[in-house]
Amino acid sequence: MSLRPVEFGEVVAEAAARLVGAVAQKAWCPLPRLAYLELRVPGRSVVLCLCAEGELSRLSVAEDRFPTPGEPAPFQRWLRQELTGFKLAAARYLEESRAIVLE
């Protein structure tokens, strides 16, 4: 079941409080609407799960990640190319469009 709008807002606010300033180290995209970002905060790495799969949409910190089968998909290569090394400056939830913005 997908998170409700108020839950999305709460999760994004908590993620922002803990992860703003974290640096993206790796990215995986094992399924078309599922991505993981490994973010480095001082002293540890955190895996952020981003799922846009209809009724399962969510943002969460993951203990493990779904394995990427075989050769990385073009989108996964693009994510790695574009995000690796960047610092998370902000995270917010736009309730009217039901979108999460990671800057």
PDB file of N, CA and C in Angstrom:
ATOM      1  N   MET A   1       0.844  -1.178   0.000  1.00  0.00           N
ATOM      2  CA  MET A   1       0.000   0.000   0.000  1.00  0.00           C
ATOM      3  C   MET A   1       0.892   1.245   0.000  1.00  0.00           C
ATOM      4  N   SER A   2       0.541   2.216  -0.798  1.00  0.00           N
ATOM      5  CA  SER A   2       1.278   3.466  -0.884  1.00  0.00           C
ATOM      6  C   SER A   2       1.085   4.290   0.388  1.00  0.00           C
ATOM      7  N   LEU A   3       2.026   5.164   0.633  1.00  0.00           N
ATOM      8  CA  LEU A   3       1.892   6.081   1.762  1.00  0.00           C
ATOM      9  C   LEU A   3       0.811   7.117   1.456  1.00  0.00           C
ATOM     10  N   ARG A   4       0.131   7.572   2.490  1.00  0.00           N
ATOM     11  CA  ARG A   4      -0.843   8.654   2.347  1.00  0.00           C
ATOM     12  C   ARG A   4      -0.078   9.973   2.247  1.00  0.00           C
ATOM     13  N   PRO A   5      -0.686  11.024   1.685  1.00  0.00           N
ATOM     14  CA  PRO A   5       0.009  12.299   1.533  1.00  0.00           C
ATOM     15  C   PRO A   5       0.635  12.823   2.820  1.00  0.00           C
ATOM     16  N   VAL A   6      -0.069  12.742   3.927  1.00  0.00           N
ATOM     17  CA  VAL A   6       0.493  13.241   5.184  1.00  0.00           C
ATOM     18  C   VAL A   6       1.709  12.405   5.588  1.00  0.00           C
ATOM     19  N   GLU A   7       1.665  11.100   5.310  1.00  0.00           N
ATOM     20  CA  GLU A   7       2.805  10.237   5.634  1.00  0.00           C
ATOM     21  C   GLU A   7       4.001  10.556   4.756  1.00  0.00           C
ATOM     22  N   PHE A   8       3.753  10.825   3.465  1.00  0.00           N
ATOM     23  CA  PHE A   8       4.845  11.235   2.583  1.00  0.00           C
ATOM     24  C   PHE A   8       5.524  12.489   3.141  1.00  0.00           C
ATOM     25  N   GLY A   9       4.731  13.463   3.535  1.00  0.00           N
ATOM     26  CA  GLY A   9       5.288  14.698   4.086  1.00  0.00           C
ATOM     27  C   GLY A   9       6.141  14.443   5.303  1.00  0.00           C
ATOM     28  N   GLU A  10       5.680  13.586   6.199  1.00  0.00           N
ATOM     29  CA  GLU A  10       6.430  13.270   7.415  1.00  0.00           C
ATOM     30  C   GLU A  10       7.725  12.522   7.108  1.00  0.00           C
ATOM     31  N   VAL A  11       7.649  11.541   6.199  1.00  0.00           N
ATOM     32  CA  VAL A  11       8.839  10.765   5.839  1.00  0.00           C
ATOM     33  C   VAL A  11       9.875  11.657   5.167  1.00  0.00           C
ATOM     34  N   VAL A  12       9.431  12.499   4.255  1.00  0.00           N
ATOM     35  CA  VAL A  12      10.372  13.382   3.554  1.00  0.00           C
ATOM     36  C   VAL A  12      11.000  14.372   4.525  1.00  0.00           C
ATOM     37  N   ALA A  13      10.219  14.909   5.456  1.00  0.00           N
ATOM     38  CA  ALA A  13      10.773  15.837   6.449  1.00  0.00           C
ATOM     39  C   ALA A  13      11.820  15.144   7.310  1.00  0.00           C
ATOM     40  N   GLU A  14      11.563  13.913   7.722  1.00  0.00           N
ATOM     41  CA  GLU A  14      12.538  13.181   8.536  1.00  0.00           C
ATOM     42  C   GLU A  14      13.789  12.846   7.729  1.00  0.00           C
ATOM     43  N   ALA A  15      13.597  12.413   6.476  1.00  0.00           N
ATOM     44  CA  ALA A  15      14.749  12.119   5.622  1.00  0.00           C
ATOM     45  C   ALA A  15      15.592  13.370   5.408  1.00  0.00           C
ATOM     46  N   ALA A  16      14.943  14.497   5.186  1.00  0.00           N
ATOM     47  CA  ALA A  16      15.670  15.750   4.985  1.00  0.00           C
ATOM     48  C   ALA A  16      16.472  16.106   6.232  1.00  0.00           C
ATOM     49  N   ALA A  17      15.870  15.943   7.395  1.00  0.00           N
ATOM     50  CA  ALA A  17      16.564  16.284   8.644  1.00  0.00           C
ATOM     51  C   ALA A  17      17.818  15.433   8.839  1.00  0.00           C
ATOM     52  N   ARG A  18      17.766  14.187   8.403  1.00  0.00           N
ATOM     53  CA  ARG A  18      18.898  13.274   8.623  1.00  0.00           C
ATOM     54  C   ARG A  18      19.880  13.206   7.465  1.00  0.00           C
ATOM     55  N   LEU A  19      19.419  13.520   6.241  1.00  0.00           N
ATOM     56  CA  LEU A  19      20.250  13.254   5.072  1.00  0.00           C
ATOM     57  C   LEU A  19      20.711  14.475   4.291  1.00  0.00           C
ATOM     58  N   VAL A  20      20.183  15.663   4.589  1.00  0.00           N
ATOM     59  CA  VAL A  20      20.666  16.849   3.871  1.00  0.00           C
ATOM     60  C   VAL A  20      22.158  17.002   4.157  1.00  0.00           C
ATOM     61  N   GLY A  21      22.910  17.160   3.100  1.00  0.00           N
ATOM     62  CA  GLY A  21      24.361  17.240   3.203  1.00  0.00           C
ATOM     63  C   GLY A  21      25.050  15.931   2.859  1.00  0.00           C
ATOM     64  N   ALA A  22      24.283  14.843   2.752  1.00  0.00           N
ATOM     65  CA  ALA A  22      24.848  13.543   2.387  1.00  0.00           C
ATOM     66  C   ALA A  22      25.270  13.558   0.917  1.00  0.00           C
ATOM     67  N   VAL A  23      26.294  12.772   0.617  1.00  0.00           N
ATOM     68  CA  VAL A  23      26.836  12.709  -0.743  1.00  0.00           C
ATOM     69  C   VAL A  23      26.413  11.391  -1.392  1.00  0.00           C
ATOM     70  N   ALA A  24      25.901  11.475  -2.618  1.00  0.00           N
ATOM     71  CA  ALA A  24      25.500  10.277  -3.363  1.00  0.00           C
ATOM     72  C   ALA A  24      26.752   9.521  -3.800  1.00  0.00           C
ATOM     73  N   GLN A  25      26.812   8.238  -3.429  1.00  0.00           N
ATOM     74  CA  GLN A  25      27.957   7.408  -3.791  1.00  0.00           C
ATOM     75  C   GLN A  25      27.643   6.418  -4.901  1.00  0.00           C
ATOM     76  N   LYS A  26      26.458   5.835  -4.842  1.00  0.00           N
ATOM     77  CA  LYS A  26      26.070   4.821  -5.822  1.00  0.00           C
ATOM     78  C   LYS A  26      24.579   4.940  -6.098  1.00  0.00           C
ATOM     79  N   ALA A  27      24.158   4.353  -7.207  1.00  0.00           N
ATOM     80  CA  ALA A  27      22.733   4.307  -7.560  1.00  0.00           C
ATOM     81  C   ALA A  27      22.447   2.985  -8.246  1.00  0.00           C
ATOM     82  N   TRP A  28      21.290   2.435  -7.940  1.00  0.00           N
ATOM     83  CA  TRP A  28      20.834   1.202  -8.573  1.00  0.00           C
ATOM     84  C   TRP A  28      19.401   1.378  -9.019  1.00  0.00           C
ATOM     85  N   CYS A  29      19.048   0.699 -10.089  1.00  0.00           N
ATOM     86  CA  CYS A  29      17.674   0.726 -10.588  1.00  0.00           C
ATOM     87  C   CYS A  29      17.322  -0.680 -11.070  1.00  0.00           C
ATOM     88  N   PRO A  30      16.994  -1.582 -10.132  1.00  0.00           N
ATOM     89  CA  PRO A  30      16.754  -2.972 -10.509  1.00  0.00           C
ATOM     90  C   PRO A  30      15.441  -3.203 -11.259  1.00  0.00           C
ATOM     91  N   LEU A  31      14.484  -2.297 -11.089  1.00  0.00           N
ATOM     92  CA  LEU A  31      13.193  -2.393 -11.767  1.00  0.00           C
ATOM     93  C   LEU A  31      12.840  -1.029 -12.346  1.00  0.00           C
ATOM     94  N   PRO A  32      11.965  -0.968 -13.341  1.00  0.00           N
ATOM     95  CA  PRO A  32      11.668   0.320 -13.989  1.00  0.00           C
ATOM     96  C   PRO A  32      11.230   1.440 -13.050  1.00  0.00           C
ATOM     97  N   ARG A  33      10.528   1.146 -11.970  1.00  0.00           N
ATOM     98  CA  ARG A  33      10.044   2.208 -11.076  1.00  0.00           C
ATOM     99  C   ARG A  33      10.581   2.074  -9.662  1.00  0.00           C
ATOM    100  N   LEU A  34      11.778   1.491  -9.552  1.00  0.00           N
ATOM    101  CA  LEU A  34      12.407   1.307  -8.252  1.00  0.00           C
ATOM    102  C   LEU A  34      13.873   1.706  -8.353  1.00  0.00           C
ATOM    103  N   ALA A  35      14.294   2.609  -7.493  1.00  0.00           N
ATOM    104  CA  ALA A  35      15.692   3.041  -7.491  1.00  0.00           C
ATOM    105  C   ALA A  35      16.190   3.115  -6.049  1.00  0.00           C
ATOM    106  N   TYR A  36      17.473   2.888  -5.898  1.00  0.00           N
ATOM    107  CA  TYR A  36      18.142   3.013  -4.606  1.00  0.00           C
ATOM    108  C   TYR A  36      19.305   3.978  -4.771  1.00  0.00           C
ATOM    109  N   LEU A  37      19.484   4.850  -3.803  1.00  0.00           N
ATOM    110  CA  LEU A  37      20.642   5.748  -3.770  1.00  0.00           C
ATOM    111  C   LEU A  37      21.408   5.479  -2.484  1.00  0.00           C
ATOM    112  N   GLU A  38      22.696   5.246  -2.612  1.00  0.00           N
ATOM    113  CA  GLU A  38      23.535   5.118  -1.428  1.00  0.00           C
ATOM    114  C   GLU A  38      24.102   6.495  -1.132  1.00  0.00           C
ATOM    115  N   LEU A  39      23.756   7.010   0.035  1.00  0.00           N
ATOM    116  CA  LEU A  39      24.178   8.343   0.455  1.00  0.00           C
ATOM    117  C   LEU A  39      25.146   8.209   1.618  1.00  0.00           C
ATOM    118  N   ARG A  40      26.196   8.973   1.588  1.00  0.00           N
ATOM    119  CA  ARG A  40      27.193   8.933   2.660  1.00  0.00           C
ATOM    120  C   ARG A  40      27.006  10.135   3.567  1.00  0.00           C
ATOM    121  N   VAL A  41      26.720   9.836   4.822  1.00  0.00           N
ATOM    122  CA  VAL A  41      26.671  10.853   5.866  1.00  0.00           C
ATOM    123  C   VAL A  41      27.890  10.601   6.738  1.00  0.00           C
ATOM    124  N   PRO A  42      28.347  11.566   7.515  1.00  0.00           N
ATOM    125  CA  PRO A  42      29.547  11.346   8.316  1.00  0.00           C
ATOM    126  C   PRO A  42      29.450  10.066   9.152  1.00  0.00           C
ATOM    127  N   GLY A  43      30.390   9.162   8.899  1.00  0.00           N
ATOM    128  CA  GLY A  43      30.484   7.949   9.683  1.00  0.00           C
ATOM    129  C   GLY A  43      29.712   6.741   9.183  1.00  0.00           C
ATOM    130  N   ARG A  44      28.853   6.903   8.177  1.00  0.00           N
ATOM    131  CA  ARG A  44      28.085   5.745   7.696  1.00  0.00           C
ATOM    132  C   ARG A  44      27.446   6.031   6.340  1.00  0.00           C
ATOM    133  N   SER A  45      27.029   4.945   5.703  1.00  0.00           N
ATOM    134  CA  SER A  45      26.288   5.046   4.445  1.00  0.00           C
ATOM    135  C   SER A  45      24.838   4.659   4.695  1.00  0.00           C
ATOM    136  N   VAL A  46      23.934   5.306   3.969  1.00  0.00           N
ATOM    137  CA  VAL A  46      22.502   5.060   4.079  1.00  0.00           C
ATOM    138  C   VAL A  46      21.979   4.762   2.681  1.00  0.00           C
ATOM    139  N   VAL A  47      21.150   3.715   2.562  1.00  0.00           N
ATOM    140  CA  VAL A  47      20.539   3.385   1.279  1.00  0.00           C
ATOM    141  C   VAL A  47      19.111   3.917   1.283  1.00  0.00           C
ATOM    142  N   LEU A  48      18.838   4.823   0.373  1.00  0.00           N
ATOM    143  CA  LEU A  48      17.524   5.440   0.249  1.00  0.00           C
ATOM    144  C   LEU A  48      16.764   4.730  -0.865  1.00  0.00           C
ATOM    145  N   CYS A  49      15.581   4.224  -0.559  1.00  0.00           N
ATOM    146  CA  CYS A  49      14.740   3.519  -1.524  1.00  0.00           C
ATOM    147  C   CYS A  49      13.703   4.502  -2.067  1.00  0.00           C
ATOM    148  N   LEU A  50      13.610   4.581  -3.388  1.00  0.00           N
ATOM    149  CA  LEU A  50      12.641   5.436  -4.069  1.00  0.00           C
ATOM    150  C   LEU A  50      11.786   4.545  -4.964  1.00  0.00           C
ATOM    151  N   CYS A  51      10.520   4.413  -4.632  1.00  0.00           N
ATOM    152  CA  CYS A  51       9.624   3.548  -5.396  1.00  0.00           C
ATOM    153  C   CYS A  51       8.457   4.369  -5.933  1.00  0.00           C
ATOM    154  N   ALA A  52       8.214   4.282  -7.235  1.00  0.00           N
ATOM    155  CA  ALA A  52       7.117   5.002  -7.882  1.00  0.00           C
ATOM    156  C   ALA A  52       6.126   4.030  -8.498  1.00  0.00           C
ATOM    157  N   GLU A  53       5.985   2.863  -7.907  1.00  0.00           N
ATOM    158  CA  GLU A  53       5.136   1.801  -8.433  1.00  0.00           C
ATOM    159  C   GLU A  53       3.721   1.909  -7.882  1.00  0.00           C
ATOM    160  N   GLY A  54       2.873   2.670  -8.531  1.00  0.00           N
ATOM    161  CA  GLY A  54       1.457   2.779  -8.201  1.00  0.00           C
ATOM    162  C   GLY A  54       1.127   2.746  -6.724  1.00  0.00           C
ATOM    163  N   GLU A  55       0.491   1.666  -6.299  1.00  0.00           N
ATOM    164  CA  GLU A  55       0.047   1.525  -4.913  1.00  0.00           C
ATOM    165  C   GLU A  55       1.191   1.233  -3.936  1.00  0.00           C
ATOM    166  N   LEU A  56       2.393   1.085  -4.425  1.00  0.00           N
ATOM    167  CA  LEU A  56       3.546   0.804  -3.565  1.00  0.00           C
ATOM    168  C   LEU A  56       4.493   1.991  -3.435  1.00  0.00           C
ATOM    169  N   SER A  57       4.118   3.152  -3.969  1.00  0.00           N
ATOM    170  CA  SER A  57       5.017   4.298  -3.983  1.00  0.00           C
ATOM    171  C   SER A  57       5.437   4.691  -2.569  1.00  0.00           C
ATOM    172  N   ARG A  58       6.748   4.959  -2.451  1.00  0.00           N
ATOM    173  CA  ARG A  58       7.271   5.343  -1.139  1.00  0.00           C
ATOM    174  C   ARG A  58       8.703   5.823  -1.239  1.00  0.00           C
ATOM    175  N   LEU A  59       9.127   6.438  -0.161  1.00  0.00           N
ATOM    176  CA  LEU A  59      10.507   6.852   0.066  1.00  0.00           C
ATOM    177  C   LEU A  59      10.850   6.295   1.432  1.00  0.00           C
ATOM    178  N   SER A  60      11.968   5.574   1.528  1.00  0.00           N
ATOM    179  CA  SER A  60      12.332   4.999   2.821  1.00  0.00           C
ATOM    180  C   SER A  60      13.825   4.717   2.860  1.00  0.00           C
ATOM    181  N   VAL A  61      14.332   4.536   4.059  1.00  0.00           N
ATOM    182  CA  VAL A  61      15.693   4.055   4.243  1.00  0.00           C
ATOM    183  C   VAL A  61      15.602   2.539   4.222  1.00  0.00           C
ATOM    184  N   ALA A  62      16.467   1.893   3.451  1.00  0.00           N
ATOM    185  CA  ALA A  62      16.415   0.442   3.280  1.00  0.00           C
ATOM    186  C   ALA A  62      17.589  -0.228   3.985  1.00  0.00           C
ATOM    187  N   GLU A  63      17.304  -1.366   4.589  1.00  0.00           N
ATOM    188  CA  GLU A  63      18.365  -2.186   5.187  1.00  0.00           C
ATOM    189  C   GLU A  63      19.169  -2.874   4.091  1.00  0.00           C
ATOM    190  N   ASP A  64      18.462  -3.361   3.082  1.00  0.00           N
ATOM    191  CA  ASP A  64      19.049  -4.048   1.935  1.00  0.00           C
ATOM    192  C   ASP A  64      18.415  -3.495   0.685  1.00  0.00           C
ATOM    193  N   ARG A  65      18.959  -3.882  -0.447  1.00  0.00           N
ATOM    194  CA  ARG A  65      18.359  -3.460  -1.703  1.00  0.00           C
ATOM    195  C   ARG A  65      18.080  -4.674  -2.568  1.00  0.00           C
ATOM    196  N   PHE A  66      17.099  -4.536  -3.428  1.00  0.00           N
ATOM    197  CA  PHE A  66      16.758  -5.567  -4.388  1.00  0.00           C
ATOM    198  C   PHE A  66      17.927  -5.672  -5.360  1.00  0.00           C
ATOM    199  N   PRO A  67      18.445  -6.871  -5.643  1.00  0.00           N
ATOM    200  CA  PRO A  67      19.617  -6.975  -6.527  1.00  0.00           C
ATOM    201  C   PRO A  67      19.304  -6.566  -7.961  1.00  0.00           C
ATOM    202  N   THR A  68      20.288  -5.993  -8.618  1.00  0.00           N
ATOM    203  CA  THR A  68      20.164  -5.617 -10.023  1.00  0.00           C
ATOM    204  C   THR A  68      20.511  -6.834 -10.864  1.00  0.00           C
ATOM    205  N   PRO A  69      19.580  -7.303 -11.679  1.00  0.00           N
ATOM    206  CA  PRO A  69      19.865  -8.493 -12.489  1.00  0.00           C
ATOM    207  C   PRO A  69      20.740  -8.160 -13.692  1.00  0.00           C
ATOM    208  N   GLY A  70      21.821  -8.910 -13.844  1.00  0.00           N
ATOM    209  CA  GLY A  70      22.667  -8.784 -15.036  1.00  0.00           C
ATOM    210  C   GLY A  70      23.253  -7.401 -15.263  1.00  0.00           C
ATOM    211  N   GLU A  71      23.311  -7.024 -16.517  1.00  0.00           N
ATOM    212  CA  GLU A  71      23.875  -5.745 -16.957  1.00  0.00           C
ATOM    213  C   GLU A  71      23.001  -4.586 -16.482  1.00  0.00           C
ATOM    214  N   PRO A  72      23.612  -3.509 -15.961  1.00  0.00           N
ATOM    215  CA  PRO A  72      22.818  -2.358 -15.521  1.00  0.00           C
ATOM    216  C   PRO A  72      22.006  -1.750 -16.671  1.00  0.00           C
ATOM    217  N   ALA A  73      20.780  -1.376 -16.360  1.00  0.00           N
ATOM    218  CA  ALA A  73      19.905  -0.739 -17.347  1.00  0.00           C
ATOM    219  C   ALA A  73      20.438   0.651 -17.688  1.00  0.00           C
ATOM    220  N   PRO A  74      20.080   1.172 -18.858  1.00  0.00           N
ATOM    221  CA  PRO A  74      20.529   2.521 -19.231  1.00  0.00           C
ATOM    222  C   PRO A  74      20.155   3.577 -18.183  1.00  0.00           C
ATOM    223  N   PHE A  75      18.975   3.468 -17.593  1.00  0.00           N
ATOM    224  CA  PHE A  75      18.570   4.450 -16.587  1.00  0.00           C
ATOM    225  C   PHE A  75      19.479   4.380 -15.364  1.00  0.00           C
ATOM    226  N   GLN A  76      19.880   3.174 -14.967  1.00  0.00           N
ATOM    227  CA  GLN A  76      20.792   3.030 -13.832  1.00  0.00           C
ATOM    228  C   GLN A  76      22.138   3.672 -14.148  1.00  0.00           C
ATOM    229  N   ARG A  77      22.653   3.449 -15.340  1.00  0.00           N
ATOM    230  CA  ARG A  77      23.931   4.081 -15.724  1.00  0.00           C
ATOM    231  C   ARG A  77      23.791   5.602 -15.715  1.00  0.00           C
ATOM    232  N   TRP A  78      22.654   6.102 -16.202  1.00  0.00           N
ATOM    233  CA  TRP A  78      22.414   7.546 -16.211  1.00  0.00           C
ATOM    234  C   TRP A  78      22.355   8.082 -14.784  1.00  0.00           C
ATOM    235  N   LEU A  79      21.620   7.384 -13.889  1.00  0.00           N
ATOM    236  CA  LEU A  79      21.546   7.819 -12.491  1.00  0.00           C
ATOM    237  C   LEU A  79      22.939   7.927 -11.883  1.00  0.00           C
ATOM    238  N   ARG A  80      23.746   6.908 -12.092  1.00  0.00           N
ATOM    239  CA  ARG A  80      25.109   6.918 -11.529  1.00  0.00           C
ATOM    240  C   ARG A  80      25.921   8.079 -12.090  1.00  0.00           C
ATOM    241  N   GLN A  81      25.824   8.265 -13.396  1.00  0.00           N
ATOM    242  CA  GLN A  81      26.583   9.341 -14.045  1.00  0.00           C
ATOM    243  C   GLN A  81      26.163  10.710 -13.530  1.00  0.00           C
ATOM    244  N   GLU A  82      24.870  10.910 -13.372  1.00  0.00           N
ATOM    245  CA  GLU A  82      24.349  12.219 -12.990  1.00  0.00           C
ATOM    246  C   GLU A  82      24.418  12.509 -11.495  1.00  0.00           C
ATOM    247  N   LEU A  83      24.289  11.492 -10.648  1.00  0.00           N
ATOM    248  CA  LEU A  83      24.142  11.737  -9.215  1.00  0.00           C
ATOM    249  C   LEU A  83      25.392  11.473  -8.375  1.00  0.00           C
ATOM    250  N   THR A  84      26.255  10.582  -8.817  1.00  0.00           N
ATOM    251  CA  THR A  84      27.420  10.232  -8.010  1.00  0.00           C
ATOM    252  C   THR A  84      28.271  11.470  -7.738  1.00  0.00           C
ATOM    253  N   GLY A  85      28.525  11.694  -6.458  1.00  0.00           N
ATOM    254  CA  GLY A  85      29.337  12.831  -6.041  1.00  0.00           C
ATOM    255  C   GLY A  85      28.547  14.066  -5.647  1.00  0.00           C
ATOM    256  N   PHE A  86      27.262  14.094  -5.983  1.00  0.00           N
ATOM    257  CA  PHE A  86      26.461  15.258  -5.631  1.00  0.00           C
ATOM    258  C   PHE A  86      26.007  15.198  -4.183  1.00  0.00           C
ATOM    259  N   LYS A  87      25.842  16.359  -3.596  1.00  0.00           N
ATOM    260  CA  LYS A  87      25.396  16.485  -2.208  1.00  0.00           C
ATOM    261  C   LYS A  87      23.907  16.803  -2.182  1.00  0.00           C
ATOM    262  N   LEU A  88      23.180  16.110  -1.304  1.00  0.00           N
ATOM    263  CA  LEU A  88      21.748  16.370  -1.145  1.00  0.00           C
ATOM    264  C   LEU A  88      21.577  17.702  -0.426  1.00  0.00           C
ATOM    265  N   ALA A  89      20.995  18.675  -1.127  1.00  0.00           N
ATOM    266  CA  ALA A  89      20.836  20.019  -0.561  1.00  0.00           C
ATOM    267  C   ALA A  89      19.496  20.196   0.135  1.00  0.00           C
ATOM    268  N   ALA A  90      18.464  19.478  -0.339  1.00  0.00           N
ATOM    269  CA  ALA A  90      17.130  19.625   0.250  1.00  0.00           C
ATOM    270  C   ALA A  90      16.253  18.473  -0.199  1.00  0.00           C
ATOM    271  N   ALA A  91      15.210  18.226   0.571  1.00  0.00           N
ATOM    272  CA  ALA A  91      14.187  17.243   0.205  1.00  0.00           C
ATOM    273  C   ALA A  91      12.855  17.808   0.669  1.00  0.00           C
ATOM    274  N   ARG A  92      11.857  17.757  -0.215  1.00  0.00           N
ATOM    275  CA  ARG A  92      10.544  18.261   0.178  1.00  0.00           C
ATOM    276  C   ARG A  92       9.457  17.512  -0.576  1.00  0.00           C
ATOM    277  N   TYR A  93       8.281  17.517  -0.012  1.00  0.00           N
ATOM    278  CA  TYR A  93       7.121  16.863  -0.607  1.00  0.00           C
ATOM    279  C   TYR A  93       6.154  17.919  -1.103  1.00  0.00           C
ATOM    280  N   LEU A  94       5.759  17.818  -2.373  1.00  0.00           N
ATOM    281  CA  LEU A  94       4.793  18.732  -2.967  1.00  0.00           C
ATOM    282  C   LEU A  94       3.447  18.031  -2.986  1.00  0.00           C
ATOM    283  N   GLU A  95       2.627  18.306  -1.986  1.00  0.00           N
ATOM    284  CA  GLU A  95       1.365  17.579  -1.817  1.00  0.00           C
ATOM    285  C   GLU A  95       0.425  17.728  -3.006  1.00  0.00           C
ATOM    286  N   GLU A  96       0.332  18.927  -3.581  1.00  0.00           N
ATOM    287  CA  GLU A  96      -0.613  19.161  -4.672  1.00  0.00           C
ATOM    288  C   GLU A  96      -0.312  18.287  -5.899  1.00  0.00           C
ATOM    289  N   SER A  97       0.944  17.977  -6.142  1.00  0.00           N
ATOM    290  CA  SER A  97       1.298  17.131  -7.288  1.00  0.00           C
ATOM    291  C   SER A  97       1.757  15.741  -6.870  1.00  0.00           C
ATOM    292  N   ARG A  98       1.744  15.481  -5.551  1.00  0.00           N
ATOM    293  CA  ARG A  98       2.181  14.198  -4.995  1.00  0.00           C
ATOM    294  C   ARG A  98       3.572  13.824  -5.493  1.00  0.00           C
ATOM    295  N   ALA A  99       4.488  14.787  -5.434  1.00  0.00           N
ATOM    296  CA  ALA A  99       5.854  14.579  -5.902  1.00  0.00           C
ATOM    297  C   ALA A  99       6.843  14.848  -4.773  1.00  0.00           C
ATOM    298  N   ILE A 100       7.907  14.074  -4.779  1.00  0.00           N
ATOM    299  CA  ILE A 100       9.020  14.295  -3.856  1.00  0.00           C
ATOM    300  C   ILE A 100      10.138  14.935  -4.663  1.00  0.00           C
ATOM    301  N   VAL A 101      10.673  16.026  -4.147  1.00  0.00           N
ATOM    302  CA  VAL A 101      11.758  16.730  -4.824  1.00  0.00           C
ATOM    303  C   VAL A 101      13.015  16.582  -3.984  1.00  0.00           C
ATOM    304  N   LEU A 102      14.048  15.996  -4.610  1.00  0.00           N
ATOM    305  CA  LEU A 102      15.373  15.895  -3.990  1.00  0.00           C
ATOM    306  C   LEU A 102      16.294  16.819  -4.760  1.00  0.00           C
ATOM    307  N   GLU A 103      16.841  17.789  -4.075  1.00  0.00           N
ATOM    308  CA  GLU A 103      17.758  18.729  -4.750  1.00  0.00           C
ATOM    309  C   GLU A 103      19.182  18.407  -4.371  1.00  0.00           C
TER     310      GLU A 103
END
